[in-house]
């Protein structure tokens, strides 16, 4: 392993090499890209492993006064759970024609998981800003617009 490589628990005792991590601008192992630059390449999306669900609750949920601190903490949860592309809108929902129904189902499940990570970490008063939104990206953009102004 080289600098910047992080072994998983199962790899700490094996000699299986890991690939280098992509730079921070490439969320969740995706190549740096815009949402529309994938062209007509088939995109296969797999359901995320939700093993980190026991540690995804922040002690102090988002309220009207703690955006900066909450934002730093929730970003770490997004990274741990691998949902950055869903939160930041860099991975759009694939079409069944291009990627198949399994990829669309997996994308929807992963997006709901990302939504839950946010909703479970905001106060009831903050729900008014997100209750009618449909994707994790819409929820995130709404909270950003409210709290960063």
C-alpha atoms as a PDB file:
ATOM      1  CA  UNK A   1       0.000   0.000   0.000  1.00  0.00           C
ATOM      2  CA  UNK A   2       1.160   3.514  -0.759  1.00  0.00           C
ATOM      3  CA  UNK A   3       0.481   6.846   0.889  1.00  0.00           C
ATOM      4  CA  UNK A   4      -3.206   7.739   0.838  1.00  0.00           C
ATOM      5  CA  UNK A   5      -4.371   4.119   0.651  1.00  0.00           C
ATOM      6  CA  UNK A   6      -6.665   3.059   3.440  1.00  0.00           C
ATOM      7  CA  UNK A   7      -7.149  -0.661   4.093  1.00  0.00           C
ATOM      8  CA  UNK A   8     -10.559  -2.022   4.902  1.00  0.00           C
ATOM      9  CA  UNK A   9     -10.927  -4.189   7.980  1.00  0.00           C
ATOM     10  CA  UNK A  10     -10.694  -7.347   5.889  1.00  0.00           C
ATOM     11  CA  UNK A  11      -7.526  -6.110   4.170  1.00  0.00           C
ATOM     12  CA  UNK A  12      -5.521  -5.166   7.225  1.00  0.00           C
ATOM     13  CA  UNK A  13      -4.045  -8.662   7.410  1.00  0.00           C
ATOM     14  CA  UNK A  14      -4.009  -9.605   3.735  1.00  0.00           C
ATOM     15  CA  UNK A  15      -1.559  -8.690   1.017  1.00  0.00           C
ATOM     16  CA  UNK A  16      -4.209  -7.736  -1.535  1.00  0.00           C
ATOM     17  CA  UNK A  17      -3.209  -4.357  -3.023  1.00  0.00           C
ATOM     18  CA  UNK A  18      -5.744  -1.546  -3.038  1.00  0.00           C
ATOM     19  CA  UNK A  19      -6.071   1.057  -5.701  1.00  0.00           C
ATOM     20  CA  UNK A  20      -5.224   4.630  -4.825  1.00  0.00           C
ATOM     21  CA  UNK A  21      -8.004   6.886  -3.693  1.00  0.00           C
ATOM     22  CA  UNK A  22      -9.177   9.506  -6.142  1.00  0.00           C
ATOM     23  CA  UNK A  23      -8.686  13.159  -5.209  1.00  0.00           C
ATOM     24  CA  UNK A  24     -11.366  14.784  -3.017  1.00  0.00           C
ATOM     25  CA  UNK A  25     -12.966  16.339  -6.099  1.00  0.00           C
ATOM     26  CA  UNK A  26     -13.948  12.871  -7.308  1.00  0.00           C
ATOM     27  CA  UNK A  27     -16.649  11.792  -4.869  1.00  0.00           C
ATOM     28  CA  UNK A  28     -17.083   8.170  -3.921  1.00  0.00           C
ATOM     29  CA  UNK A  29     -14.716   6.613  -6.429  1.00  0.00           C
ATOM     30  CA  UNK A  30     -16.219   8.282  -9.482  1.00  0.00           C
ATOM     31  CA  UNK A  31     -14.040   9.835 -12.113  1.00  0.00           C
ATOM     32  CA  UNK A  32     -14.251  13.621 -12.094  1.00  0.00           C
ATOM     33  CA  UNK A  33     -17.188  14.319 -14.347  1.00  0.00           C
ATOM     34  CA  UNK A  34     -20.257  16.404 -14.811  1.00  0.00           C
ATOM     35  CA  UNK A  35     -23.615  14.655 -14.526  1.00  0.00           C
ATOM     36  CA  UNK A  36     -24.179  14.833 -18.279  1.00  0.00           C
ATOM     37  CA  UNK A  37     -20.706  13.828 -19.490  1.00  0.00           C
ATOM     38  CA  UNK A  38     -21.333  10.097 -19.141  1.00  0.00           C
ATOM     39  CA  UNK A  39     -22.825  10.104 -22.619  1.00  0.00           C
ATOM     40  CA  UNK A  40     -24.350   6.839 -23.745  1.00  0.00           C
ATOM     41  CA  UNK A  41     -22.144   4.561 -21.674  1.00  0.00           C
ATOM     42  CA  UNK A  42     -24.140   1.982 -19.748  1.00  0.00           C
ATOM     43  CA  UNK A  43     -24.051   2.789 -16.057  1.00  0.00           C
ATOM     44  CA  UNK A  44     -24.477  -0.011 -13.547  1.00  0.00           C
ATOM     45  CA  UNK A  45     -25.334   1.119 -10.047  1.00  0.00           C
ATOM     46  CA  UNK A  46     -25.210  -1.253  -7.117  1.00  0.00           C
ATOM     47  CA  UNK A  47     -27.020  -0.989  -3.822  1.00  0.00           C
ATOM     48  CA  UNK A  48     -24.790   0.497  -1.120  1.00  0.00           C
ATOM     49  CA  UNK A  49     -23.882  -1.570   1.902  1.00  0.00           C
ATOM     50  CA  UNK A  50     -25.609   0.145   4.829  1.00  0.00           C
ATOM     51  CA  UNK A  51     -23.383  -1.334   7.542  1.00  0.00           C
ATOM     52  CA  UNK A  52     -22.575   2.073   9.005  1.00  0.00           C
ATOM     53  CA  UNK A  53     -26.162   2.815  10.042  1.00  0.00           C
ATOM     54  CA  UNK A  54     -25.408   2.442  13.759  1.00  0.00           C
ATOM     55  CA  UNK A  55     -23.028   5.419  13.733  1.00  0.00           C
ATOM     56  CA  UNK A  56     -24.866   7.819  11.456  1.00  0.00           C
ATOM     57  CA  UNK A  57     -26.771   9.775  14.092  1.00  0.00           C
ATOM     58  CA  UNK A  58     -25.223  13.069  15.160  1.00  0.00           C
ATOM     59  CA  UNK A  59     -25.547  13.943  18.830  1.00  0.00           C
ATOM     60  CA  UNK A  60     -26.649  17.495  18.008  1.00  0.00           C
ATOM     61  CA  UNK A  61     -28.991  17.551  14.983  1.00  0.00           C
ATOM     62  CA  UNK A  62     -29.185  20.560  12.683  1.00  0.00           C
ATOM     63  CA  UNK A  63     -31.100  23.502  14.099  1.00  0.00           C
ATOM     64  CA  UNK A  64     -31.174  27.230  13.313  1.00  0.00           C
ATOM     65  CA  UNK A  65     -27.874  27.912  15.074  1.00  0.00           C
ATOM     66  CA  UNK A  66     -25.371  25.134  14.301  1.00  0.00           C
ATOM     67  CA  UNK A  67     -25.051  24.844  10.510  1.00  0.00           C
ATOM     68  CA  UNK A  68     -21.239  25.182  10.300  1.00  0.00           C
ATOM     69  CA  UNK A  69     -20.484  22.491  12.901  1.00  0.00           C
ATOM     70  CA  UNK A  70     -23.313  20.216  11.746  1.00  0.00           C
ATOM     71  CA  UNK A  71     -22.182  20.530   8.134  1.00  0.00           C
ATOM     72  CA  UNK A  72     -18.654  19.364   8.988  1.00  0.00           C
ATOM     73  CA  UNK A  73     -19.991  16.358  10.876  1.00  0.00           C
ATOM     74  CA  UNK A  74     -22.578  15.329   8.294  1.00  0.00           C
ATOM     75  CA  UNK A  75     -19.980  15.510   5.487  1.00  0.00           C
ATOM     76  CA  UNK A  76     -17.998  12.838   7.350  1.00  0.00           C
ATOM     77  CA  UNK A  77     -21.103  10.653   7.524  1.00  0.00           C
ATOM     78  CA  UNK A  78     -21.728  11.137   3.794  1.00  0.00           C
ATOM     79  CA  UNK A  79     -18.164  10.036   3.074  1.00  0.00           C
ATOM     80  CA  UNK A  80     -18.340   7.036   5.405  1.00  0.00           C
ATOM     81  CA  UNK A  81     -21.621   5.861   3.907  1.00  0.00           C
ATOM     82  CA  UNK A  82     -20.606   6.522   0.299  1.00  0.00           C
ATOM     83  CA  UNK A  83     -23.562   8.758  -0.552  1.00  0.00           C
ATOM     84  CA  UNK A  84     -21.776  11.919  -1.772  1.00  0.00           C
ATOM     85  CA  UNK A  85     -22.859  11.465  -5.424  1.00  0.00           C
ATOM     86  CA  UNK A  86     -26.491  11.336  -4.316  1.00  0.00           C
ATOM     87  CA  UNK A  87     -26.188  14.301  -1.935  1.00  0.00           C
ATOM     88  CA  UNK A  88     -24.316  16.576  -4.345  1.00  0.00           C
ATOM     89  CA  UNK A  89     -26.161  15.502  -7.497  1.00  0.00           C
ATOM     90  CA  UNK A  90     -23.123  14.149  -9.347  1.00  0.00           C
ATOM     91  CA  UNK A  91     -24.751  10.782 -10.007  1.00  0.00           C
ATOM     92  CA  UNK A  92     -28.077  11.188 -11.741  1.00  0.00           C
ATOM     93  CA  UNK A  93     -30.706   8.481 -11.754  1.00  0.00           C
ATOM     94  CA  UNK A  94     -29.995   6.194 -14.713  1.00  0.00           C
ATOM     95  CA  UNK A  95     -32.619   5.251 -17.238  1.00  0.00           C
ATOM     96  CA  UNK A  96     -33.904   1.702 -17.463  1.00  0.00           C
ATOM     97  CA  UNK A  97     -33.175   1.699 -21.181  1.00  0.00           C
ATOM     98  CA  UNK A  98     -29.500   2.506 -20.675  1.00  0.00           C
ATOM     99  CA  UNK A  99     -28.727   0.776 -17.379  1.00  0.00           C
ATOM    100  CA  UNK A 100     -31.548  -1.644 -16.691  1.00  0.00           C
ATOM    101  CA  UNK A 101     -34.185  -1.809 -13.951  1.00  0.00           C
ATOM    102  CA  UNK A 102     -31.792  -3.150 -11.309  1.00  0.00           C
ATOM    103  CA  UNK A 103     -29.607  -0.033 -11.554  1.00  0.00           C
ATOM    104  CA  UNK A 104     -32.628   2.259 -11.314  1.00  0.00           C
ATOM    105  CA  UNK A 105     -33.886   0.368  -8.253  1.00  0.00           C
ATOM    106  CA  UNK A 106     -30.441   0.482  -6.636  1.00  0.00           C
ATOM    107  CA  UNK A 107     -30.132   4.216  -7.348  1.00  0.00           C
ATOM    108  CA  UNK A 108     -33.532   4.871  -5.760  1.00  0.00           C
ATOM    109  CA  UNK A 109     -32.663   2.808  -2.681  1.00  0.00           C
ATOM    110  CA  UNK A 110     -29.297   4.540  -2.301  1.00  0.00           C
ATOM    111  CA  UNK A 111     -30.910   7.959  -2.675  1.00  0.00           C
ATOM    112  CA  UNK A 112     -33.501   7.136  -0.009  1.00  0.00           C
ATOM    113  CA  UNK A 113     -30.659   6.011   2.256  1.00  0.00           C
ATOM    114  CA  UNK A 114     -28.946   9.374   1.692  1.00  0.00           C
ATOM    115  CA  UNK A 115     -32.219  11.182   2.439  1.00  0.00           C
ATOM    116  CA  UNK A 116     -32.583   9.275   5.708  1.00  0.00           C
ATOM    117  CA  UNK A 117     -29.046  10.202   6.731  1.00  0.00           C
ATOM    118  CA  UNK A 118     -30.000  13.866   6.445  1.00  0.00           C
ATOM    119  CA  UNK A 119     -33.527  13.684   7.845  1.00  0.00           C
ATOM    120  CA  UNK A 120     -32.447  11.675  10.883  1.00  0.00           C
ATOM    121  CA  UNK A 121     -29.924  14.399  11.705  1.00  0.00           C
ATOM    122  CA  UNK A 122     -32.112  17.506  11.621  1.00  0.00           C
ATOM    123  CA  UNK A 123     -34.561  18.838  14.181  1.00  0.00           C
ATOM    124  CA  UNK A 124     -38.295  18.728  13.709  1.00  0.00           C
ATOM    125  CA  UNK A 125     -38.250  22.486  13.031  1.00  0.00           C
ATOM    126  CA  UNK A 126     -35.961  21.909  10.024  1.00  0.00           C
ATOM    127  CA  UNK A 127     -38.336  19.386   8.456  1.00  0.00           C
ATOM    128  CA  UNK A 128     -40.436  22.242   7.073  1.00  0.00           C
ATOM    129  CA  UNK A 129     -37.582  22.956   4.636  1.00  0.00           C
ATOM    130  CA  UNK A 130     -37.349  19.403   3.280  1.00  0.00           C
ATOM    131  CA  UNK A 131     -40.625  17.567   3.776  1.00  0.00           C
ATOM    132  CA  UNK A 132     -41.870  17.815   0.183  1.00  0.00           C
ATOM    133  CA  UNK A 133     -38.591  17.260  -1.609  1.00  0.00           C
ATOM    134  CA  UNK A 134     -37.953  14.064  -3.554  1.00  0.00           C
ATOM    135  CA  UNK A 135     -34.205  13.449  -3.668  1.00  0.00           C
ATOM    136  CA  UNK A 136     -31.244  13.711  -1.318  1.00  0.00           C
ATOM    137  CA  UNK A 137     -29.751  16.372  -3.580  1.00  0.00           C
ATOM    138  CA  UNK A 138     -32.923  18.500  -3.402  1.00  0.00           C
ATOM    139  CA  UNK A 139     -32.940  18.167   0.402  1.00  0.00           C
ATOM    140  CA  UNK A 140     -29.266  19.137   0.658  1.00  0.00           C
ATOM    141  CA  UNK A 141     -29.638  22.139  -1.669  1.00  0.00           C
ATOM    142  CA  UNK A 142     -32.635  23.359   0.307  1.00  0.00           C
ATOM    143  CA  UNK A 143     -30.776  23.164   3.628  1.00  0.00           C
ATOM    144  CA  UNK A 144     -27.736  24.891   2.105  1.00  0.00           C
ATOM    145  CA  UNK A 145     -29.886  27.696   0.726  1.00  0.00           C
ATOM    146  CA  UNK A 146     -31.562  28.248   4.103  1.00  0.00           C
ATOM    147  CA  UNK A 147     -28.460  28.093   6.288  1.00  0.00           C
ATOM    148  CA  UNK A 148     -25.683  29.563   4.152  1.00  0.00           C
ATOM    149  CA  UNK A 149     -27.448  32.878   3.546  1.00  0.00           C
END
